PDB file of N, CA and C in Angstrom:
ATOM      1  N   MET A   1      78.876 169.739  98.877  1.00  0.00           N
ATOM      2  CA  MET A   1      79.230 170.210 100.237  1.00  0.00           C
ATOM      3  C   MET A   1      80.173 169.282 100.871  1.00  0.00           C
ATOM      4  N   THR A   2      81.198 169.855 101.463  1.00  0.00           N
ATOM      5  CA  THR A   2      82.235 169.063 102.249  1.00  0.00           C
ATOM      6  C   THR A   2      81.891 168.846 103.644  1.00  0.00           C
ATOM      7  N   TYR A   3      82.076 167.685 104.047  1.00  0.00           N
ATOM      8  CA  TYR A   3      81.633 167.350 105.550  1.00  0.00           C
ATOM      9  C   TYR A   3      82.903 167.279 106.304  1.00  0.00           C
ATOM     10  N   GLU A   4      82.810 167.825 107.620  1.00  0.00           N
ATOM     11  CA  GLU A   4      84.043 167.635 108.548  1.00  0.00           C
ATOM     12  C   GLU A   4      83.926 166.189 108.959  1.00  0.00           C
ATOM     13  N   GLY A   5      82.753 165.823 109.384  1.00  0.00           N
ATOM     14  CA  GLY A   5      82.668 164.401 109.746  1.00  0.00           C
ATOM     15  C   GLY A   5      81.497 163.700 109.046  1.00  0.00           C
ATOM     16  N   CYS A   6      80.914 162.859 109.640  1.00  0.00           N
ATOM     17  CA  CYS A   6      79.791 162.106 108.809  1.00  0.00           C
ATOM     18  C   CYS A   6      78.635 163.116 108.514  1.00  0.00           C
ATOM     19  N   PRO A   7      78.060 162.961 107.383  1.00  0.00           N
ATOM     20  CA  PRO A   7      76.912 163.889 106.932  1.00  0.00           C
ATOM     21  C   PRO A   7      75.907 163.938 108.063  1.00  0.00           C
ATOM     22  N   CYS A   8      75.820 162.815 108.678  1.00  0.00           N
ATOM     23  CA  CYS A   8      74.499 162.745 109.748  1.00  0.00           C
ATOM     24  C   CYS A   8      74.747 163.493 110.842  1.00  0.00           C
ATOM     25  N   GLY A   9      75.941 164.104 111.117  1.00  0.00           N
ATOM     26  CA  GLY A   9      76.143 164.951 112.274  1.00  0.00           C
ATOM     27  C   GLY A   9      76.475 164.249 113.448  1.00  0.00           C
ATOM     28  N   SER A  10      76.884 163.041 113.534  1.00  0.00           N
ATOM     29  CA  SER A  10      77.182 162.161 114.629  1.00  0.00           C
ATOM     30  C   SER A  10      78.436 162.601 115.401  1.00  0.00           C
ATOM     31  N   GLN A  11      79.204 163.234 114.756  1.00  0.00           N
ATOM     32  CA  GLN A  11      80.649 163.723 115.275  1.00  0.00           C
ATOM     33  C   GLN A  11      81.585 162.601 115.193  1.00  0.00           C
ATOM     34  N   LEU A  12      81.196 161.535 114.389  1.00  0.00           N
ATOM     35  CA  LEU A  12      82.361 160.506 114.057  1.00  0.00           C
ATOM     36  C   LEU A  12      82.551 160.835 112.679  1.00  0.00           C
ATOM     37  N   THR A  13      83.578 160.114 112.163  1.00  0.00           N
ATOM     38  CA  THR A  13      83.893 160.259 110.597  1.00  0.00           C
ATOM     39  C   THR A  13      82.961 159.392 109.821  1.00  0.00           C
ATOM     40  N   TYR A  14      82.794 159.746 108.566  1.00  0.00           N
ATOM     41  CA  TYR A  14      81.957 158.788 107.774  1.00  0.00           C
ATOM     42  C   TYR A  14      82.334 157.354 107.726  1.00  0.00           C
ATOM     43  N   GLN A  15      83.590 157.109 107.669  1.00  0.00           N
ATOM     44  CA  GLN A  15      84.242 155.770 107.706  1.00  0.00           C
ATOM     45  C   GLN A  15      83.681 154.949 109.003  1.00  0.00           C
ATOM     46  N   GLU A  16      83.615 155.786 110.192  1.00  0.00           N
ATOM     47  CA  GLU A  16      83.289 155.179 111.526  1.00  0.00           C
ATOM     48  C   GLU A  16      81.762 155.057 111.604  1.00  0.00           C
ATOM     49  N   CYS A  17      80.956 155.812 110.838  1.00  0.00           N
ATOM     50  CA  CYS A  17      79.745 155.820 111.122  1.00  0.00           C
ATOM     51  C   CYS A  17      78.808 155.303 109.992  1.00  0.00           C
ATOM     52  N   CYS A  18      78.276 156.067 109.064  1.00  0.00           N
ATOM     53  CA  CYS A  18      77.424 155.603 108.052  1.00  0.00           C
ATOM     54  C   CYS A  18      78.044 154.812 106.923  1.00  0.00           C
ATOM     55  N   GLU A  19      79.141 154.922 106.584  1.00  0.00           N
ATOM     56  CA  GLU A  19      79.834 154.176 105.484  1.00  0.00           C
ATOM     57  C   GLU A  19      79.655 152.661 105.652  1.00  0.00           C
ATOM     58  N   PRO A  20      79.991 151.998 106.809  1.00  0.00           N
ATOM     59  CA  PRO A  20      79.670 150.605 106.997  1.00  0.00           C
ATOM     60  C   PRO A  20      78.275 150.203 106.550  1.00  0.00           C
ATOM     61  N   LEU A  21      77.335 151.016 106.969  1.00  0.00           N
ATOM     62  CA  LEU A  21      75.905 150.690 106.706  1.00  0.00           C
ATOM     63  C   LEU A  21      75.737 150.803 105.193  1.00  0.00           C
ATOM     64  N   HIS A  22      76.239 151.934 104.554  1.00  0.00           N
ATOM     65  CA  HIS A  22      76.256 152.106 103.216  1.00  0.00           C
ATOM     66  C   HIS A  22      76.838 150.861 102.357  1.00  0.00           C
ATOM     67  N   ARG A  23      77.772 150.231 103.080  1.00  0.00           N
ATOM     68  CA  ARG A  23      78.463 149.047 102.357  1.00  0.00           C
ATOM     69  C   ARG A  23      77.832 147.661 102.778  1.00  0.00           C
ATOM     70  N   GLY A  24      76.667 147.761 103.542  1.00  0.00           N
ATOM     71  CA  GLY A  24      75.906 146.552 103.780  1.00  0.00           C
ATOM     72  C   GLY A  24      75.898 146.008 105.051  1.00  0.00           C
ATOM     73  N   ALA A  25      76.437 146.653 106.034  1.00  0.00           N
ATOM     74  CA  ALA A  25      76.197 146.222 107.531  1.00  0.00           C
ATOM     75  C   ALA A  25      74.875 146.661 107.914  1.00  0.00           C
ATOM     76  N   GLY A  26      74.344 145.860 108.794  1.00  0.00           N
ATOM     77  CA  GLY A  26      72.912 146.147 109.325  1.00  0.00           C
ATOM     78  C   GLY A  26      72.973 147.331 110.262  1.00  0.00           C
ATOM     79  N   ALA A  27      72.073 148.247 110.358  1.00  0.00           N
ATOM     80  CA  ALA A  27      71.823 149.186 111.313  1.00  0.00           C
ATOM     81  C   ALA A  27      71.358 148.539 112.596  1.00  0.00           C
ATOM     82  N   PRO A  28      72.009 148.818 113.737  1.00  0.00           N
ATOM     83  CA  PRO A  28      71.695 148.251 114.883  1.00  0.00           C
ATOM     84  C   PRO A  28      70.310 148.655 115.555  1.00  0.00           C
ATOM     85  N   THR A  29      70.070 150.004 115.200  1.00  0.00           N
ATOM     86  CA  THR A  29      68.860 150.642 115.688  1.00  0.00           C
ATOM     87  C   THR A  29      68.145 151.349 114.495  1.00  0.00           C
ATOM     88  N   ALA A  30      66.906 151.707 114.751  1.00  0.00           N
ATOM     89  CA  ALA A  30      66.131 152.460 113.813  1.00  0.00           C
ATOM     90  C   ALA A  30      66.739 153.931 113.751  1.00  0.00           C
ATOM     91  N   LEU A  31      67.298 154.479 114.907  1.00  0.00           N
ATOM     92  CA  LEU A  31      67.964 155.891 114.620  1.00  0.00           C
ATOM     93  C   LEU A  31      69.165 155.622 113.763  1.00  0.00           C
ATOM     94  N   ALA A  32      70.006 154.601 113.982  1.00  0.00           N
ATOM     95  CA  ALA A  32      71.244 154.532 113.137  1.00  0.00           C
ATOM     96  C   ALA A  32      70.840 154.370 111.619  1.00  0.00           C
ATOM     97  N   LEU A  33      69.785 153.686 111.358  1.00  0.00           N
ATOM     98  CA  LEU A  33      69.264 153.647 109.995  1.00  0.00           C
ATOM     99  C   LEU A  33      68.762 154.977 109.506  1.00  0.00           C
ATOM    100  N   MET A  34      68.024 155.734 110.371  1.00  0.00           N
ATOM    101  CA  MET A  34      67.631 157.163 109.919  1.00  0.00           C
ATOM    102  C   MET A  34      68.871 158.035 109.595  1.00  0.00           C
ATOM    103  N   ARG A  35      69.895 157.969 110.430  1.00  0.00           N
ATOM    104  CA  ARG A  35      71.131 158.731 110.248  1.00  0.00           C
ATOM    105  C   ARG A  35      71.873 158.253 108.966  1.00  0.00           C
ATOM    106  N   SER A  36      71.852 156.966 108.730  1.00  0.00           N
ATOM    107  CA  SER A  36      72.401 156.555 107.361  1.00  0.00           C
ATOM    108  C   SER A  36      71.715 156.833 106.151  1.00  0.00           C
ATOM    109  N   ARG A  37      70.288 157.019 106.431  1.00  0.00           N
ATOM    110  CA  ARG A  37      69.499 157.369 105.156  1.00  0.00           C
ATOM    111  C   ARG A  37      69.700 158.929 104.927  1.00  0.00           C
ATOM    112  N   PHE A  38      69.782 159.711 106.041  1.00  0.00           N
ATOM    113  CA  PHE A  38      70.216 161.116 105.853  1.00  0.00           C
ATOM    114  C   PHE A  38      71.535 161.282 105.127  1.00  0.00           C
ATOM    115  N   SER A  39      72.526 160.639 105.483  1.00  0.00           N
ATOM    116  CA  SER A  39      73.731 160.616 104.846  1.00  0.00           C
ATOM    117  C   SER A  39      73.605 160.153 103.368  1.00  0.00           C
ATOM    118  N   ALA A  40      72.808 159.125 103.145  1.00  0.00           N
ATOM    119  CA  ALA A  40      72.611 158.713 101.739  1.00  0.00           C
ATOM    120  C   ALA A  40      72.028 159.871 100.910  1.00  0.00           C
ATOM    121  N   PHE A  41      71.044 160.445 101.347  1.00  0.00           N
ATOM    122  CA  PHE A  41      70.527 161.513 100.713  1.00  0.00           C
ATOM    123  C   PHE A  41      71.610 162.622 100.247  1.00  0.00           C
ATOM    124  N   ALA A  42      72.420 162.952 101.320  1.00  0.00           N
ATOM    125  CA  ALA A  42      73.317 164.004 101.231  1.00  0.00           C
ATOM    126  C   ALA A  42      74.480 163.552 100.300  1.00  0.00           C
ATOM    127  N   LEU A  43      74.746 162.292 100.183  1.00  0.00           N
ATOM    128  CA  LEU A  43      75.803 161.731  99.247  1.00  0.00           C
ATOM    129  C   LEU A  43      75.225 161.319  97.892  1.00  0.00           C
ATOM    130  N   GLY A  44      73.923 161.203  97.625  1.00  0.00           N
ATOM    131  CA  GLY A  44      73.208 160.904  96.564  1.00  0.00           C
ATOM    132  C   GLY A  44      73.345 159.439  96.238  1.00  0.00           C
ATOM    133  N   LEU A  45      73.224 158.539  97.207  1.00  0.00           N
ATOM    134  CA  LEU A  45      73.142 157.185  97.262  1.00  0.00           C
ATOM    135  C   LEU A  45      71.790 156.424  97.101  1.00  0.00           C
ATOM    136  N   GLU A  46      71.374 156.667  95.975  1.00  0.00           N
ATOM    137  CA  GLU A  46      69.838 156.190  95.579  1.00  0.00           C
ATOM    138  C   GLU A  46      69.752 154.652  95.933  1.00  0.00           C
ATOM    139  N   GLY A  47      70.753 153.955  95.609  1.00  0.00           N
ATOM    140  CA  GLY A  47      70.537 152.385  95.764  1.00  0.00           C
ATOM    141  C   GLY A  47      70.411 152.116  97.240  1.00  0.00           C
ATOM    142  N   TYR A  48      71.194 152.729  98.035  1.00  0.00           N
ATOM    143  CA  TYR A  48      70.998 152.509  99.423  1.00  0.00           C
ATOM    144  C   TYR A  48      69.726 152.877  99.861  1.00  0.00           C
ATOM    145  N   LEU A  49      69.165 154.079  99.528  1.00  0.00           N
ATOM    146  CA  LEU A  49      67.804 154.506 100.031  1.00  0.00           C
ATOM    147  C   LEU A  49      66.744 153.570  99.543  1.00  0.00           C
ATOM    148  N   LEU A  50      66.836 152.836  98.433  1.00  0.00           N
ATOM    149  CA  LEU A  50      65.916 151.942  98.031  1.00  0.00           C
ATOM    150  C   LEU A  50      66.123 150.641  98.863  1.00  0.00           C
ATOM    151  N   ASP A  51      67.445 150.259  98.961  1.00  0.00           N
ATOM    152  CA  ASP A  51      67.621 148.796  99.724  1.00  0.00           C
ATOM    153  C   ASP A  51      67.257 149.078 101.173  1.00  0.00           C
ATOM    154  N   SER A  52      67.201 150.147 101.780  1.00  0.00           N
ATOM    155  CA  SER A  52      66.851 150.355 103.222  1.00  0.00           C
ATOM    156  C   SER A  52      65.391 150.667 103.390  1.00  0.00           C
ATOM    157  N   TRP A  53      64.652 150.717 102.360  1.00  0.00           N
ATOM    158  CA  TRP A  53      63.251 150.947 102.370  1.00  0.00           C
ATOM    159  C   TRP A  53      62.358 149.586 102.512  1.00  0.00           C
ATOM    160  N   ASP A  54      61.315 149.614 103.233  1.00  0.00           N
ATOM    161  CA  ASP A  54      60.574 148.424 103.488  1.00  0.00           C
ATOM    162  C   ASP A  54      59.932 147.924 101.984  1.00  0.00           C
ATOM    163  N   PRO A  55      59.941 146.853 101.551  1.00  0.00           N
ATOM    164  CA  PRO A  55      59.306 146.444 100.323  1.00  0.00           C
ATOM    165  C   PRO A  55      57.879 146.837 100.304  1.00  0.00           C
ATOM    166  N   SER A  56      57.236 146.860 101.305  1.00  0.00           N
ATOM    167  CA  SER A  56      55.733 147.178 101.422  1.00  0.00           C
ATOM    168  C   SER A  56      55.285 148.503 101.010  1.00  0.00           C
ATOM    169  N   THR A  57      56.410 149.498 101.101  1.00  0.00           N
ATOM    170  CA  THR A  57      56.172 150.893 100.697  1.00  0.00           C
ATOM    171  C   THR A  57      57.081 151.514  99.858  1.00  0.00           C
ATOM    172  N   ARG A  58      58.154 150.727  99.442  1.00  0.00           N
ATOM    173  CA  ARG A  58      59.263 151.162  98.633  1.00  0.00           C
ATOM    174  C   ARG A  58      58.764 151.548  97.160  1.00  0.00           C
ATOM    175  N   PRO A  59      59.124 152.772  96.733  1.00  0.00           N
ATOM    176  CA  PRO A  59      58.745 153.162  95.387  1.00  0.00           C
ATOM    177  C   PRO A  59      59.684 152.353  94.337  1.00  0.00           C
ATOM    178  N   ASP A  60      59.407 152.432  93.119  1.00  0.00           N
ATOM    179  CA  ASP A  60      60.338 151.664  92.049  1.00  0.00           C
ATOM    180  C   ASP A  60      61.713 152.465  92.053  1.00  0.00           C
ATOM    181  N   THR A  61      61.668 153.780  92.044  1.00  0.00           N
ATOM    182  CA  THR A  61      62.834 154.619  92.036  1.00  0.00           C
ATOM    183  C   THR A  61      62.792 155.646  92.993  1.00  0.00           C
ATOM    184  N   VAL A  62      64.015 156.196  93.248  1.00  0.00           N
ATOM    185  CA  VAL A  62      64.157 157.423  94.128  1.00  0.00           C
ATOM    186  C   VAL A  62      64.834 158.485  93.160  1.00  0.00           C
ATOM    187  N   ASP A  63      64.207 159.493  92.968  1.00  0.00           N
ATOM    188  CA  ASP A  63      64.737 160.585  92.174  1.00  0.00           C
ATOM    189  C   ASP A  63      65.120 161.779  93.049  1.00  0.00           C
ATOM    190  N   LEU A  64      66.496 161.778  93.191  1.00  0.00           N
ATOM    191  CA  LEU A  64      67.100 162.812  94.008  1.00  0.00           C
ATOM    192  C   LEU A  64      67.237 164.021  93.272  1.00  0.00           C
ATOM    193  N   ASP A  65      66.958 165.139  93.956  1.00  0.00           N
ATOM    194  CA  ASP A  65      67.020 166.511  93.198  1.00  0.00           C
ATOM    195  C   ASP A  65      68.386 167.027  93.426  1.00  0.00           C
ATOM    196  N   GLY A  66      69.062 167.018  92.329  1.00  0.00           N
ATOM    197  CA  GLY A  66      70.369 167.499  92.319  1.00  0.00           C
ATOM    198  C   GLY A  66      70.670 169.008  92.808  1.00  0.00           C
ATOM    199  N   ASP A  67      69.640 169.782  92.876  1.00  0.00           N
ATOM    200  CA  ASP A  67      69.632 171.166  93.268  1.00  0.00           C
ATOM    201  C   ASP A  67      69.474 171.287  94.797  1.00  0.00           C
ATOM    202  N   VAL A  68      69.319 170.095  95.595  1.00  0.00           N
ATOM    203  CA  VAL A  68      69.129 170.221  96.957  1.00  0.00           C
ATOM    204  C   VAL A  68      70.434 169.766  97.710  1.00  0.00           C
ATOM    205  N   GLU A  69      70.930 170.586  98.566  1.00  0.00           N
ATOM    206  CA  GLU A  69      72.099 170.304  99.334  1.00  0.00           C
ATOM    207  C   GLU A  69      71.603 170.038 100.766  1.00  0.00           C
ATOM    208  N   TRP A  70      71.669 168.810 101.308  1.00  0.00           N
ATOM    209  CA  TRP A  70      71.349 168.405 102.564  1.00  0.00           C
ATOM    210  C   TRP A  70      72.526 168.795 103.520  1.00  0.00           C
ATOM    211  N   ARG A  71      72.174 169.634 104.525  1.00  0.00           N
ATOM    212  CA  ARG A  71      73.180 170.345 105.376  1.00  0.00           C
ATOM    213  C   ARG A  71      73.275 169.744 106.825  1.00  0.00           C
ATOM    214  N   ARG A  72      72.065 169.444 107.447  1.00  0.00           N
ATOM    215  CA  ARG A  72      72.134 169.188 108.786  1.00  0.00           C
ATOM    216  C   ARG A  72      70.881 168.372 109.245  1.00  0.00           C
ATOM    217  N   LEU A  73      71.239 167.349 110.114  1.00  0.00           N
ATOM    218  CA  LEU A  73      70.192 166.435 110.710  1.00  0.00           C
ATOM    219  C   LEU A  73      70.053 166.804 112.205  1.00  0.00           C
ATOM    220  N   GLN A  74      68.779 166.839 112.630  1.00  0.00           N
ATOM    221  CA  GLN A  74      68.576 167.043 114.009  1.00  0.00           C
ATOM    222  C   GLN A  74      67.530 166.098 114.423  1.00  0.00           C
ATOM    223  N   ILE A  75      67.879 165.169 115.279  1.00  0.00           N
ATOM    224  CA  ILE A  75      66.846 164.232 115.911  1.00  0.00           C
ATOM    225  C   ILE A  75      66.018 164.933 116.928  1.00  0.00           C
ATOM    226  N   VAL A  76      64.672 164.798 116.690  1.00  0.00           N
ATOM    227  CA  VAL A  76      63.713 165.462 117.623  1.00  0.00           C
ATOM    228  C   VAL A  76      63.242 164.538 118.671  1.00  0.00           C
ATOM    229  N   ASP A  77      62.983 163.300 118.233  1.00  0.00           N
ATOM    230  CA  ASP A  77      62.413 162.395 119.167  1.00  0.00           C
ATOM    231  C   ASP A  77      62.554 160.898 118.666  1.00  0.00           C
ATOM    232  N   THR A  78      62.554 159.993 119.619  1.00  0.00           N
ATOM    233  CA  THR A  78      62.608 158.490 119.167  1.00  0.00           C
ATOM    234  C   THR A  78      61.637 157.805 120.108  1.00  0.00           C
ATOM    235  N   ALA A  79      61.131 156.657 119.555  1.00  0.00           N
ATOM    236  CA  ALA A  79      60.244 155.797 120.292  1.00  0.00           C
ATOM    237  C   ALA A  79      60.508 154.346 119.851  1.00  0.00           C
ATOM    238  N   LEU A  80      60.982 153.455 120.864  1.00  0.00           N
ATOM    239  CA  LEU A  80      61.352 152.156 120.482  1.00  0.00           C
ATOM    240  C   LEU A  80      62.462 152.298 119.530  1.00  0.00           C
ATOM    241  N   GLY A  81      62.674 151.281 118.717  1.00  0.00           N
ATOM    242  CA  GLY A  81      63.670 151.181 117.607  1.00  0.00           C
ATOM    243  C   GLY A  81      64.989 150.782 118.052  1.00  0.00           C
ATOM    244  N   GLY A  82      65.026 150.129 119.283  1.00  0.00           N
ATOM    245  CA  GLY A  82      66.246 149.684 119.829  1.00  0.00           C
ATOM    246  C   GLY A  82      66.566 148.446 119.314  1.00  0.00           C
ATOM    247  N   ALA A  83      67.790 147.819 119.825  1.00  0.00           N
ATOM    248  CA  ALA A  83      68.402 146.550 119.373  1.00  0.00           C
ATOM    249  C   ALA A  83      67.481 145.385 119.609  1.00  0.00           C
ATOM    250  N   SER A  84      66.457 145.537 120.687  1.00  0.00           N
ATOM    251  CA  SER A  84      65.706 144.303 120.866  1.00  0.00           C
ATOM    252  C   SER A  84      64.183 144.747 120.313  1.00  0.00           C
ATOM    253  N   ASP A  85      63.839 145.763 119.508  1.00  0.00           N
ATOM    254  CA  ASP A  85      62.593 145.993 119.242  1.00  0.00           C
ATOM    255  C   ASP A  85      62.454 145.673 117.802  1.00  0.00           C
ATOM    256  N   ASP A  86      61.061 145.557 117.493  1.00  0.00           N
ATOM    257  CA  ASP A  86      60.847 145.241 116.036  1.00  0.00           C
ATOM    258  C   ASP A  86      60.267 146.370 115.247  1.00  0.00           C
ATOM    259  N   THR A  87      59.862 147.440 115.893  1.00  0.00           N
ATOM    260  CA  THR A  87      59.311 148.603 115.240  1.00  0.00           C
ATOM    261  C   THR A  87      59.972 149.847 115.957  1.00  0.00           C
ATOM    262  N   GLY A  88      59.952 150.950 115.358  1.00  0.00           N
ATOM    263  CA  GLY A  88      60.506 152.121 115.823  1.00  0.00           C
ATOM    264  C   GLY A  88      60.036 153.393 115.098  1.00  0.00           C
ATOM    265  N   VAL A  89      60.234 154.562 115.727  1.00  0.00           N
ATOM    266  CA  VAL A  89      59.774 155.903 115.311  1.00  0.00           C
ATOM    267  C   VAL A  89      60.962 156.759 115.485  1.00  0.00           C
ATOM    268  N   VAL A  90      61.303 157.684 114.505  1.00  0.00           N
ATOM    269  CA  VAL A  90      62.280 158.584 114.678  1.00  0.00           C
ATOM    270  C   VAL A  90      61.755 159.911 114.027  1.00  0.00           C
ATOM    271  N   GLU A  91      61.568 161.023 114.808  1.00  0.00           N
ATOM    272  CA  GLU A  91      61.258 162.110 114.392  1.00  0.00           C
ATOM    273  C   GLU A  91      62.533 163.084 114.297  1.00  0.00           C
ATOM    274  N   TYR A  92      62.688 163.770 113.057  1.00  0.00           N
ATOM    275  CA  TYR A  92      63.832 164.586 112.755  1.00  0.00           C
ATOM    276  C   TYR A  92      63.506 165.887 111.973  1.00  0.00           C
ATOM    277  N   ARG A  93      64.451 166.651 111.948  1.00  0.00           N
ATOM    278  CA  ARG A  93      64.475 167.882 111.177  1.00  0.00           C
ATOM    279  C   ARG A  93      65.737 167.799 110.260  1.00  0.00           C
ATOM    280  N   ALA A  94      65.480 168.000 109.045  1.00  0.00           N
ATOM    281  CA  ALA A  94      66.660 167.921 107.988  1.00  0.00           C
ATOM    282  C   ALA A  94      66.785 169.358 107.413  1.00  0.00           C
ATOM    283  N   SER A  95      67.863 169.951 107.531  1.00  0.00           N
ATOM    284  CA  SER A  95      67.989 171.378 107.005  1.00  0.00           C
ATOM    285  C   SER A  95      68.592 171.137 105.483  1.00  0.00           C
ATOM    286  N   PHE A  96      68.249 171.862 104.539  1.00  0.00           N
ATOM    287  CA  PHE A  96      68.763 171.940 103.307  1.00  0.00           C
ATOM    288  C   PHE A  96      68.787 173.300 102.610  1.00  0.00           C
ATOM    289  N   ARG A  97      69.487 173.415 101.472  1.00  0.00           N
ATOM    290  CA  ARG A  97      69.528 174.560 100.644  1.00  0.00           C
ATOM    291  C   ARG A  97      69.037 174.170  99.174  1.00  0.00           C
ATOM    292  N   ARG A  98      68.262 174.915  98.569  1.00  0.00           N
ATOM    293  CA  ARG A  98      67.751 174.815  97.286  1.00  0.00           C
ATOM    294  C   ARG A  98      68.033 175.953  96.579  1.00  0.00           C
ATOM    295  N   ALA A  99      68.739 176.165  95.476  1.00  0.00           N
ATOM    296  CA  ALA A  99      68.882 177.394  94.827  1.00  0.00           C
ATOM    297  C   ALA A  99      69.302 178.545  95.709  1.00  0.00           C
ATOM    298  N   GLY A 100      70.125 178.269  96.724  1.00  0.00           N
ATOM    299  CA  GLY A 100      70.644 179.252  97.517  1.00  0.00           C
ATOM    300  C   GLY A 100      69.768 179.578  98.757  1.00  0.00           C
ATOM    301  N   ARG A 101      68.506 179.051  98.756  1.00  0.00           N
ATOM    302  CA  ARG A 101      67.503 179.297  99.781  1.00  0.00           C
ATOM    303  C   ARG A 101      67.372 178.194 100.846  1.00  0.00           C
ATOM    304  N   PRO A 102      67.325 178.500 102.114  1.00  0.00           N
ATOM    305  CA  PRO A 102      67.334 177.545 103.114  1.00  0.00           C
ATOM    306  C   PRO A 102      65.962 176.834 103.122  1.00  0.00           C
ATOM    307  N   GLY A 103      66.000 175.683 103.703  1.00  0.00           N
ATOM    308  CA  GLY A 103      64.784 174.820 103.708  1.00  0.00           C
ATOM    309  C   GLY A 103      64.738 173.943 104.957  1.00  0.00           C
ATOM    310  N   LEU A 104      63.747 173.440 105.381  1.00  0.00           N
ATOM    311  CA  LEU A 104      63.607 172.519 106.463  1.00  0.00           C
ATOM    312  C   LEU A 104      62.500 171.412 106.425  1.00  0.00           C
ATOM    313  N   LEU A 105      62.862 170.187 106.527  1.00  0.00           N
ATOM    314  CA  LEU A 105      62.081 169.060 106.365  1.00  0.00           C
ATOM    315  C   LEU A 105      61.829 168.408 107.696  1.00  0.00           C
ATOM    316  N   GLN A 106      60.598 168.370 108.273  1.00  0.00           N
ATOM    317  CA  GLN A 106      60.499 167.626 109.566  1.00  0.00           C
ATOM    318  C   GLN A 106      59.620 166.486 109.269  1.00  0.00           C
ATOM    319  N   GLU A 107      59.904 165.284 109.764  1.00  0.00           N
ATOM    320  CA  GLU A 107      59.311 164.068 109.386  1.00  0.00           C
ATOM    321  C   GLU A 107      59.286 163.225 110.569  1.00  0.00           C
ATOM    322  N   ARG A 108      58.122 162.635 110.969  1.00  0.00           N
ATOM    323  CA  ARG A 108      58.124 161.441 112.016  1.00  0.00           C
ATOM    324  C   ARG A 108      57.900 160.230 111.167  1.00  0.00           C
ATOM    325  N   SER A 109      59.172 159.460 111.216  1.00  0.00           N
ATOM    326  CA  SER A 109      59.336 158.234 110.344  1.00  0.00           C
ATOM    327  C   SER A 109      59.228 157.079 111.165  1.00  0.00           C
ATOM    328  N   ARG A 110      58.561 155.891 110.474  1.00  0.00           N
ATOM    329  CA  ARG A 110      58.306 154.776 111.027  1.00  0.00           C
ATOM    330  C   ARG A 110      59.161 153.669 110.414  1.00  0.00           C
ATOM    331  N   PHE A 111      59.722 152.761 111.172  1.00  0.00           N
ATOM    332  CA  PHE A 111      60.744 151.858 110.848  1.00  0.00           C
ATOM    333  C   PHE A 111      60.220 150.489 111.435  1.00  0.00           C
ATOM    334  N   VAL A 112      60.619 149.417 110.695  1.00  0.00           N
ATOM    335  CA  VAL A 112      60.353 148.044 110.956  1.00  0.00           C
ATOM    336  C   VAL A 112      61.612 147.176 110.841  1.00  0.00           C
ATOM    337  N   ARG A 113      61.624 146.214 111.729  1.00  0.00           N
ATOM    338  CA  ARG A 113      62.908 145.297 111.473  1.00  0.00           C
ATOM    339  C   ARG A 113      62.300 144.046 110.794  1.00  0.00           C
ATOM    340  N   VAL A 114      62.946 143.745 109.645  1.00  0.00           N
ATOM    341  CA  VAL A 114      62.538 142.606 108.765  1.00  0.00           C
ATOM    342  C   VAL A 114      63.739 141.699 108.641  1.00  0.00           C
ATOM    343  N   ARG A 115      63.494 140.503 109.126  1.00  0.00           N
ATOM    344  CA  ARG A 115      64.556 139.423 109.038  1.00  0.00           C
ATOM    345  C   ARG A 115      65.920 139.946 109.645  1.00  0.00           C
ATOM    346  N   GLY A 116      65.683 140.646 110.899  1.00  0.00           N
ATOM    347  CA  GLY A 116      66.860 141.143 111.440  1.00  0.00           C
ATOM    348  C   GLY A 116      67.590 142.506 111.031  1.00  0.00           C
ATOM    349  N   ARG A 117      66.881 143.004 109.917  1.00  0.00           N
ATOM    350  CA  ARG A 117      67.393 144.420 109.433  1.00  0.00           C
ATOM    351  C   ARG A 117      66.358 145.429 109.496  1.00  0.00           C
ATOM    352  N   TRP A 118      66.781 146.584 109.870  1.00  0.00           N
ATOM    353  CA  TRP A 118      65.947 147.700 110.054  1.00  0.00           C
ATOM    354  C   TRP A 118      65.604 148.236 108.689  1.00  0.00           C
ATOM    355  N   ARG A 119      64.336 148.713 108.385  1.00  0.00           N
ATOM    356  CA  ARG A 119      63.843 149.248 107.276  1.00  0.00           C
ATOM    357  C   ARG A 119      62.916 150.440 107.454  1.00  0.00           C
ATOM    358  N   TYR A 120      63.211 151.378 106.687  1.00  0.00           N
ATOM    359  CA  TYR A 120      62.181 152.653 106.687  1.00  0.00           C
ATOM    360  C   TYR A 120      60.819 152.079 106.139  1.00  0.00           C
ATOM    361  N   VAL A 121      59.795 152.560 106.682  1.00  0.00           N
ATOM    362  CA  VAL A 121      58.448 152.169 106.167  1.00  0.00           C
ATOM    363  C   VAL A 121      57.890 153.545 105.589  1.00  0.00           C
ATOM    364  N   ASP A 122      57.620 154.480 106.350  1.00  0.00           N
ATOM    365  CA  ASP A 122      56.986 155.736 105.793  1.00  0.00           C
ATOM    366  C   ASP A 122      57.053 156.764 106.905  1.00  0.00           C
ATOM    367  N   GLY A 123      56.494 157.897 106.578  1.00  0.00           N
ATOM    368  CA  GLY A 123      56.651 158.916 107.536  1.00  0.00           C
ATOM    369  C   GLY A 123      55.632 160.111 107.295  1.00  0.00           C
ATOM    370  N   ASP A 124      55.325 160.829 108.380  1.00  0.00           N
ATOM    371  CA  ASP A 124      54.465 161.884 108.273  1.00  0.00           C
ATOM    372  C   ASP A 124      55.214 163.231 108.387  1.00  0.00           C
ATOM    373  N   VAL A 125      55.056 163.966 107.292  1.00  0.00           N
ATOM    374  CA  VAL A 125      55.790 165.245 107.250  1.00  0.00           C
ATOM    375  C   VAL A 125      55.084 166.201 108.134  1.00  0.00           C
ATOM    376  N   ARG A 126      55.771 166.920 108.787  1.00  0.00           N
ATOM    377  CA  ARG A 126      55.178 167.911 109.749  1.00  0.00           C
ATOM    378  C   ARG A 126      55.233 169.371 109.013  1.00  0.00           C
ATOM    379  N   PRO A 127      54.327 170.242 109.326  1.00  0.00           N
ATOM    380  CA  PRO A 127      54.390 171.561 108.665  1.00  0.00           C
ATOM    381  C   PRO A 127      55.479 172.369 109.322  1.00  0.00           C
TER     382      PRO A 127
END
């Protein structure tokens, strides 16, 4: 899929938004990390997904489904996760297509700041 701007839907270009995080800059908030992780799924950046995952819950590998096309991220809710917080929650809906059929993933994700860097911990998938 070709994106007009950043895959996360921020209305910024990829170079202005998620690319610096993908190249090693720290996310300033849990929401910024969530957006960058969505973009990483959309762009197939398995290494970034693992690097941004908290070591306490991180799997050994991330197997991205090449048949899934991530299309849109919608933020539903946030709690904490700001520049001065150590924990945060971001609830989102991610639209995708698989084999030409639309799908929707909704998750309430938990984040923690470890040594000054935000990390994804886990999430509860909503029906």
